PDB file of all heavy atoms in Angstrom:
ATOM      1  N   ASN A   1      20.160   2.417  22.508  1.00  0.00           N
ATOM      2  CA  ASN A   1      20.703   1.395  21.589  1.00  0.00           C
ATOM      3  C   ASN A   1      19.923   1.414  20.273  1.00  0.00           C
ATOM      4  O   ASN A   1      18.731   1.404  20.286  1.00  0.00           O
ATOM      5  CB  ASN A   1      20.477  -0.007  22.286  1.00  0.00           C
ATOM      6  CG  ASN A   1      21.393  -0.229  23.418  1.00  0.00           C
ATOM      7  OD1 ASN A   1      22.473   0.312  23.443  1.00  0.00           O
ATOM      8  ND2 ASN A   1      20.976  -1.047  24.360  1.00  0.00           N
ATOM      9  N   GLY A   2      20.697   1.408  19.201  1.00  0.00           N
ATOM     10  CA  GLY A   2      20.073   1.428  17.871  1.00  0.00           C
ATOM     11  C   GLY A   2      19.633   2.859  17.500  1.00  0.00           C
ATOM     12  O   GLY A   2      19.716   3.813  18.282  1.00  0.00           O
ATOM     13  N   PHE A   3      19.287   3.010  16.258  1.00  0.00           N
ATOM     14  CA  PHE A   3      18.831   4.287  15.741  1.00  0.00           C
ATOM     15  C   PHE A   3      17.316   4.340  15.788  1.00  0.00           C
ATOM     16  O   PHE A   3      16.649   3.253  16.002  1.00  0.00           O
ATOM     17  CB  PHE A   3      19.352   4.512  14.316  1.00  0.00           C
ATOM     18  CG  PHE A   3      20.841   4.639  14.251  1.00  0.00           C
ATOM     19  CD1 PHE A   3      21.628   3.572  13.759  1.00  0.00           C
ATOM     20  CD2 PHE A   3      21.499   5.756  14.663  1.00  0.00           C
ATOM     21  CE1 PHE A   3      22.996   3.639  13.732  1.00  0.00           C
ATOM     22  CE2 PHE A   3      22.881   5.853  14.625  1.00  0.00           C
ATOM     23  CZ  PHE A   3      23.623   4.802  14.147  1.00  0.00           C
ATOM     24  N   ILE A   4      16.698   5.459  15.467  1.00  0.00           N
ATOM     25  CA  ILE A   4      15.257   5.564  15.540  1.00  0.00           C
ATOM     26  C   ILE A   4      14.553   4.492  14.649  1.00  0.00           C
ATOM     27  O   ILE A   4      13.714   3.795  15.161  1.00  0.00           O
ATOM     28  CB  ILE A   4      14.865   6.979  15.079  1.00  0.00           C
ATOM     29  CG1 ILE A   4      15.401   8.036  15.997  1.00  0.00           C
ATOM     30  CG2 ILE A   4      13.299   7.080  15.011  1.00  0.00           C
ATOM     31  CD1 ILE A   4      15.335   9.475  15.497  1.00  0.00           C
ATOM     32  N   ALA A   5      14.929   4.426  13.388  1.00  0.00           N
ATOM     33  CA  ALA A   5      14.297   3.491  12.517  1.00  0.00           C
ATOM     34  C   ALA A   5      14.541   2.054  12.947  1.00  0.00           C
ATOM     35  O   ALA A   5      13.620   1.223  12.836  1.00  0.00           O
ATOM     36  CB  ALA A   5      14.729   3.692  11.064  1.00  0.00           C
ATOM     37  N   ASN A   6      15.742   1.740  13.382  1.00  0.00           N
ATOM     38  CA  ASN A   6      15.984   0.415  13.822  1.00  0.00           C
ATOM     39  C   ASN A   6      15.144  -0.035  15.076  1.00  0.00           C
ATOM     40  O   ASN A   6      14.616  -1.112  15.128  1.00  0.00           O
ATOM     41  CB  ASN A   6      17.484   0.161  14.187  1.00  0.00           C
ATOM     42  CG  ASN A   6      18.360   0.096  13.007  1.00  0.00           C
ATOM     43  OD1 ASN A   6      17.929  -0.194  11.869  1.00  0.00           O
ATOM     44  ND2 ASN A   6      19.641   0.435  13.153  1.00  0.00           N
ATOM     45  N   ARG A   7      14.959   0.921  15.966  1.00  0.00           N
ATOM     46  CA  ARG A   7      14.181   0.609  17.118  1.00  0.00           C
ATOM     47  C   ARG A   7      12.686   0.405  16.779  1.00  0.00           C
ATOM     48  O   ARG A   7      12.061  -0.515  17.282  1.00  0.00           O
ATOM     49  CB  ARG A   7      14.312   1.746  18.134  1.00  0.00           C
ATOM     50  CG  ARG A   7      15.673   1.862  18.794  1.00  0.00           C
ATOM     51  CD  ARG A   7      15.780   2.962  19.829  1.00  0.00           C
ATOM     52  NE  ARG A   7      14.935   2.645  20.928  1.00  0.00           N
ATOM     53  CZ  ARG A   7      15.243   1.912  21.986  1.00  0.00           C
ATOM     54  NH1 ARG A   7      16.430   1.370  22.044  1.00  0.00           N
ATOM     55  NH2 ARG A   7      14.395   1.700  23.005  1.00  0.00           N
ATOM     56  N   LEU A   8      12.211   1.272  15.874  1.00  0.00           N
ATOM     57  CA  LEU A   8      10.858   1.105  15.452  1.00  0.00           C
ATOM     58  C   LEU A   8      10.635  -0.220  14.693  1.00  0.00           C
ATOM     59  O   LEU A   8       9.630  -0.949  14.903  1.00  0.00           O
ATOM     60  CB  LEU A   8      10.379   2.285  14.561  1.00  0.00           C
ATOM     61  CG  LEU A   8      10.349   3.633  15.287  1.00  0.00           C
ATOM     62  CD1 LEU A   8      10.164   4.769  14.296  1.00  0.00           C
ATOM     63  CD2 LEU A   8       9.184   3.650  16.289  1.00  0.00           C
ATOM     64  N   MET A   9      11.591  -0.589  13.824  1.00  0.00           N
ATOM     65  CA  MET A   9      11.509  -1.799  13.066  1.00  0.00           C
ATOM     66  C   MET A   9      11.557  -3.014  14.006  1.00  0.00           C
ATOM     67  O   MET A   9      10.863  -3.988  13.790  1.00  0.00           O
ATOM     68  CB  MET A   9      12.619  -1.888  12.035  1.00  0.00           C
ATOM     69  CG  MET A   9      12.557  -3.044  11.153  1.00  0.00           C
ATOM     70  SD  MET A   9      11.055  -2.992  10.108  1.00  0.00           S
ATOM     71  CE  MET A   9      10.840  -4.745   9.792  1.00  0.00           C
ATOM     72  N   HIS A  10      12.402  -2.975  15.040  1.00  0.00           N
ATOM     73  CA  HIS A  10      12.492  -4.072  15.936  1.00  0.00           C
ATOM     74  C   HIS A  10      11.161  -4.291  16.785  1.00  0.00           C
ATOM     75  O   HIS A  10      10.810  -5.385  17.100  1.00  0.00           O
ATOM     76  CB  HIS A  10      13.675  -3.952  16.882  1.00  0.00           C
ATOM     77  CG  HIS A  10      14.972  -4.447  16.270  1.00  0.00           C
ATOM     78  ND1 HIS A  10      15.653  -3.672  15.365  1.00  0.00           N
ATOM     79  CD2 HIS A  10      15.614  -5.564  16.328  1.00  0.00           C
ATOM     80  CE1 HIS A  10      16.731  -4.352  14.957  1.00  0.00           C
ATOM     81  NE2 HIS A  10      16.675  -5.511  15.525  1.00  0.00           N
ATOM     82  N   ALA A  11      10.453  -3.166  17.065  1.00  0.00           N
ATOM     83  CA  ALA A  11       9.205  -3.301  17.770  1.00  0.00           C
ATOM     84  C   ALA A  11       8.212  -4.049  16.903  1.00  0.00           C
ATOM     85  O   ALA A  11       7.456  -4.941  17.326  1.00  0.00           O
ATOM     86  CB  ALA A  11       8.658  -1.920  18.182  1.00  0.00           C
ATOM     87  N   LEU A  12       8.160  -3.669  15.602  1.00  0.00           N
ATOM     88  CA  LEU A  12       7.311  -4.346  14.628  1.00  0.00           C
ATOM     89  C   LEU A  12       7.691  -5.795  14.505  1.00  0.00           C
ATOM     90  O   LEU A  12       6.874  -6.739  14.542  1.00  0.00           O
ATOM     91  CB  LEU A  12       7.420  -3.619  13.282  1.00  0.00           C
ATOM     92  CG  LEU A  12       6.844  -4.364  12.062  1.00  0.00           C
ATOM     93  CD1 LEU A  12       5.323  -4.550  12.219  1.00  0.00           C
ATOM     94  CD2 LEU A  12       7.217  -3.614  10.792  1.00  0.00           C
ATOM     95  N   TRP A  13       9.017  -6.068  14.395  1.00  0.00           N
ATOM     96  CA  TRP A  13       9.502  -7.407  14.176  1.00  0.00           C
ATOM     97  C   TRP A  13       9.200  -8.246  15.394  1.00  0.00           C
ATOM     98  O   TRP A  13       8.809  -9.400  15.294  1.00  0.00           O
ATOM     99  CB  TRP A  13      11.002  -7.338  13.909  1.00  0.00           C
ATOM    100  CG  TRP A  13      11.663  -8.604  13.528  1.00  0.00           C
ATOM    101  CD1 TRP A  13      12.831  -9.090  14.122  1.00  0.00           C
ATOM    102  CD2 TRP A  13      11.327  -9.552  12.550  1.00  0.00           C
ATOM    103  NE1 TRP A  13      13.201 -10.232  13.503  1.00  0.00           N
ATOM    104  CE2 TRP A  13      12.265 -10.595  12.559  1.00  0.00           C
ATOM    105  CE3 TRP A  13      10.250  -9.675  11.675  1.00  0.00           C
ATOM    106  CZ2 TRP A  13      12.202 -11.687  11.733  1.00  0.00           C
ATOM    107  CZ3 TRP A  13      10.216 -10.757  10.815  1.00  0.00           C
ATOM    108  CH2 TRP A  13      11.212 -11.728  10.871  1.00  0.00           C
ATOM    109  N   ARG A  14       9.290  -7.705  16.579  1.00  0.00           N
ATOM    110  CA  ARG A  14       9.016  -8.491  17.817  1.00  0.00           C
ATOM    111  C   ARG A  14       7.553  -8.932  17.828  1.00  0.00           C
ATOM    112  O   ARG A  14       7.251 -10.091  18.118  1.00  0.00           O
ATOM    113  CB  ARG A  14       9.275  -7.638  19.066  1.00  0.00           C
ATOM    114  CG  ARG A  14       8.846  -8.356  20.357  1.00  0.00           C
ATOM    115  CD  ARG A  14       9.159  -7.572  21.602  1.00  0.00           C
ATOM    116  NE  ARG A  14       8.388  -6.348  21.589  1.00  0.00           N
ATOM    117  CZ  ARG A  14       8.600  -5.317  22.450  1.00  0.00           C
ATOM    118  NH1 ARG A  14       9.510  -5.377  23.343  1.00  0.00           N
ATOM    119  NH2 ARG A  14       7.788  -4.241  22.401  1.00  0.00           N
ATOM    120  N   GLU A  15       6.690  -8.052  17.416  1.00  0.00           N
ATOM    121  CA  GLU A  15       5.249  -8.419  17.359  1.00  0.00           C
ATOM    122  C   GLU A  15       4.960  -9.488  16.339  1.00  0.00           C
ATOM    123  O   GLU A  15       4.180 -10.403  16.531  1.00  0.00           O
ATOM    124  CB  GLU A  15       4.335  -7.191  17.201  1.00  0.00           C
ATOM    125  CG  GLU A  15       2.864  -7.511  17.345  1.00  0.00           C
ATOM    126  CD  GLU A  15       2.495  -7.984  18.756  1.00  0.00           C
ATOM    127  OE1 GLU A  15       3.287  -7.820  19.730  1.00  0.00           O
ATOM    128  OE2 GLU A  15       1.341  -8.492  18.865  1.00  0.00           O
ATOM    129  N   GLU A  16       5.628  -9.392  15.145  1.00  0.00           N
ATOM    130  CA  GLU A  16       5.443 -10.393  14.138  1.00  0.00           C
ATOM    131  C   GLU A  16       5.911 -11.775  14.600  1.00  0.00           C
ATOM    132  O   GLU A  16       5.263 -12.756  14.439  1.00  0.00           O
ATOM    133  CB  GLU A  16       6.067  -9.997  12.819  1.00  0.00           C
ATOM    134  CG  GLU A  16       5.880 -11.076  11.742  1.00  0.00           C
ATOM    135  CD  GLU A  16       6.220 -10.646  10.352  1.00  0.00           C
ATOM    136  OE1 GLU A  16       6.246  -9.377  10.053  1.00  0.00           O
ATOM    137  OE2 GLU A  16       6.424 -11.521   9.529  1.00  0.00           O
ATOM    138  N   ILE A  17       7.087 -11.792  15.240  1.00  0.00           N
ATOM    139  CA  ILE A  17       7.622 -13.041  15.801  1.00  0.00           C
ATOM    140  C   ILE A  17       6.661 -13.588  16.778  1.00  0.00           C
ATOM    141  O   ILE A  17       6.351 -14.819  16.722  1.00  0.00           O
ATOM    142  CB  ILE A  17       9.013 -12.816  16.431  1.00  0.00           C
ATOM    143  CG1 ILE A  17      10.047 -12.475  15.368  1.00  0.00           C
ATOM    144  CG2 ILE A  17       9.432 -13.988  17.263  1.00  0.00           C
ATOM    145  CD1 ILE A  17      11.378 -12.008  15.895  1.00  0.00           C
ATOM    146  N   ALA A  18       6.133 -12.806  17.710  1.00  0.00           N
ATOM    147  CA  ALA A  18       5.187 -13.293  18.672  1.00  0.00           C
ATOM    148  C   ALA A  18       3.920 -13.846  18.061  1.00  0.00           C
ATOM    149  O   ALA A  18       3.447 -14.939  18.434  1.00  0.00           O
ATOM    150  CB  ALA A  18       4.826 -12.095  19.679  1.00  0.00           C
ATOM    151  N   LEU A  19       3.354 -13.102  17.091  1.00  0.00           N
ATOM    152  CA  LEU A  19       2.123 -13.571  16.476  1.00  0.00           C
ATOM    153  C   LEU A  19       2.327 -14.939  15.739  1.00  0.00           C
ATOM    154  O   LEU A  19       1.467 -15.801  15.834  1.00  0.00           O
ATOM    155  CB  LEU A  19       1.640 -12.526  15.445  1.00  0.00           C
ATOM    156  CG  LEU A  19       1.013 -11.246  16.058  1.00  0.00           C
ATOM    157  CD1 LEU A  19       0.815 -10.209  14.946  1.00  0.00           C
ATOM    158  CD2 LEU A  19      -0.204 -11.512  16.864  1.00  0.00           C
ATOM    159  N   VAL A  20       3.478 -15.047  15.029  1.00  0.00           N
ATOM    160  CA  VAL A  20       3.781 -16.288  14.317  1.00  0.00           C
ATOM    161  C   VAL A  20       4.027 -17.435  15.305  1.00  0.00           C
ATOM    162  O   VAL A  20       3.468 -18.529  15.154  1.00  0.00           O
ATOM    163  CB  VAL A  20       4.938 -16.078  13.353  1.00  0.00           C
ATOM    164  CG1 VAL A  20       5.388 -17.393  12.733  1.00  0.00           C
ATOM    165  CG2 VAL A  20       4.564 -15.116  12.230  1.00  0.00           C
ATOM    166  N   CYS A  21       4.827 -17.181  16.360  1.00  0.00           N
ATOM    167  CA  CYS A  21       5.127 -18.208  17.313  1.00  0.00           C
ATOM    168  C   CYS A  21       3.924 -18.677  18.106  1.00  0.00           C
ATOM    169  O   CYS A  21       3.793 -19.845  18.478  1.00  0.00           O
ATOM    170  CB  CYS A  21       6.211 -17.716  18.316  1.00  0.00           C
ATOM    171  SG  CYS A  21       7.865 -17.694  17.575  1.00  0.00           S
ATOM    172  N   GLU A  22       2.967 -17.783  18.333  1.00  0.00           N
ATOM    173  CA  GLU A  22       1.712 -18.092  19.052  1.00  0.00           C
ATOM    174  C   GLU A  22       0.718 -18.807  18.160  1.00  0.00           C
ATOM    175  O   GLU A  22      -0.332 -19.191  18.598  1.00  0.00           O
ATOM    176  CB  GLU A  22       1.118 -16.824  19.651  1.00  0.00           C
ATOM    177  CG  GLU A  22       1.923 -16.268  20.817  1.00  0.00           C
ATOM    178  CD  GLU A  22       1.419 -14.886  21.226  1.00  0.00           C
ATOM    179  OE1 GLU A  22       0.334 -14.470  20.895  1.00  0.00           O
ATOM    180  OE2 GLU A  22       2.207 -14.167  21.925  1.00  0.00           O
ATOM    181  N   GLY A  23       1.024 -18.860  16.852  1.00  0.00           N
ATOM    182  CA  GLY A  23       0.078 -19.501  15.901  1.00  0.00           C
ATOM    183  C   GLY A  23      -1.073 -18.593  15.525  1.00  0.00           C
ATOM    184  O   GLY A  23      -2.079 -19.080  14.922  1.00  0.00           O
ATOM    185  N   VAL A  24      -0.995 -17.304  15.814  1.00  0.00           N
ATOM    186  CA  VAL A  24      -2.064 -16.367  15.477  1.00  0.00           C
ATOM    187  C   VAL A  24      -2.235 -16.229  13.946  1.00  0.00           C
ATOM    188  O   VAL A  24      -3.294 -16.161  13.411  1.00  0.00           O
ATOM    189  CB  VAL A  24      -1.812 -14.981  16.128  1.00  0.00           C
ATOM    190  CG1 VAL A  24      -2.830 -13.953  15.642  1.00  0.00           C
ATOM    191  CG2 VAL A  24      -1.847 -15.148  17.644  1.00  0.00           C
ATOM    192  N   CYS A  25      -0.995 -16.201  13.244  1.00  0.00           N
ATOM    193  CA  CYS A  25      -1.027 -16.103  11.820  1.00  0.00           C
ATOM    194  C   CYS A  25       0.312 -16.653  11.287  1.00  0.00           C
ATOM    195  O   CYS A  25       1.222 -16.933  12.029  1.00  0.00           O
ATOM    196  CB  CYS A  25      -1.157 -14.646  11.414  1.00  0.00           C
ATOM    197  SG  CYS A  25       0.160 -13.561  11.951  1.00  0.00           S
ATOM    198  N   SER A  26       0.378 -16.830   9.989  1.00  0.00           N
ATOM    199  CA  SER A  26       1.592 -17.228   9.362  1.00  0.00           C
ATOM    200  C   SER A  26       2.498 -16.007   9.154  1.00  0.00           C
ATOM    201  O   SER A  26       2.002 -14.852   9.196  1.00  0.00           O
ATOM    202  CB  SER A  26       1.335 -17.907   8.006  1.00  0.00           C
ATOM    203  OG  SER A  26       0.849 -16.955   7.056  1.00  0.00           O
ATOM    204  N   MET A  27       3.763 -16.200   8.869  1.00  0.00           N
ATOM    205  CA  MET A  27       4.645 -15.094   8.556  1.00  0.00           C
ATOM    206  C   MET A  27       4.137 -14.401   7.312  1.00  0.00           C
ATOM    207  O   MET A  27       4.154 -13.175   7.211  1.00  0.00           O
ATOM    208  CB  MET A  27       6.058 -15.627   8.355  1.00  0.00           C
ATOM    209  CG  MET A  27       7.072 -14.536   8.105  1.00  0.00           C
ATOM    210  SD  MET A  27       8.733 -15.199   7.842  1.00  0.00           S
ATOM    211  CE  MET A  27       9.082 -15.950   9.429  1.00  0.00           C
ATOM    212  N   GLU A  28       3.709 -15.165   6.343  1.00  0.00           N
ATOM    213  CA  GLU A  28       3.214 -14.564   5.071  1.00  0.00           C
ATOM    214  C   GLU A  28       2.019 -13.644   5.339  1.00  0.00           C
ATOM    215  O   GLU A  28       1.938 -12.534   4.821  1.00  0.00           O
ATOM    216  CB  GLU A  28       2.863 -15.663   4.076  1.00  0.00           C
ATOM    217  CG  GLU A  28       2.368 -15.155   2.743  1.00  0.00           C
ATOM    218  CD  GLU A  28       2.095 -16.256   1.713  1.00  0.00           C
ATOM    219  OE1 GLU A  28       2.200 -17.464   2.083  1.00  0.00           O
ATOM    220  OE2 GLU A  28       1.848 -15.863   0.561  1.00  0.00           O
ATOM    221  N   ASP A  29       1.093 -14.127   6.198  1.00  0.00           N
ATOM    222  CA  ASP A  29      -0.042 -13.315   6.527  1.00  0.00           C
ATOM    223  C   ASP A  29       0.320 -11.985   7.248  1.00  0.00           C
ATOM    224  O   ASP A  29      -0.185 -10.938   6.960  1.00  0.00           O
ATOM    225  CB  ASP A  29      -1.083 -14.089   7.381  1.00  0.00           C
ATOM    226  CG  ASP A  29      -1.779 -15.114   6.537  1.00  0.00           C
ATOM    227  OD1 ASP A  29      -1.909 -14.976   5.355  1.00  0.00           O
ATOM    228  OD2 ASP A  29      -2.272 -16.109   7.204  1.00  0.00           O
TER     229      ASP A  29
END
């Protein structure tokens, strides 16, 4: 599912969402 770049980007995006939702950092950080 998805292309190479999309899959890699979604892995990065998933971790950013998790960090922000857990209060580890802001989206800007």
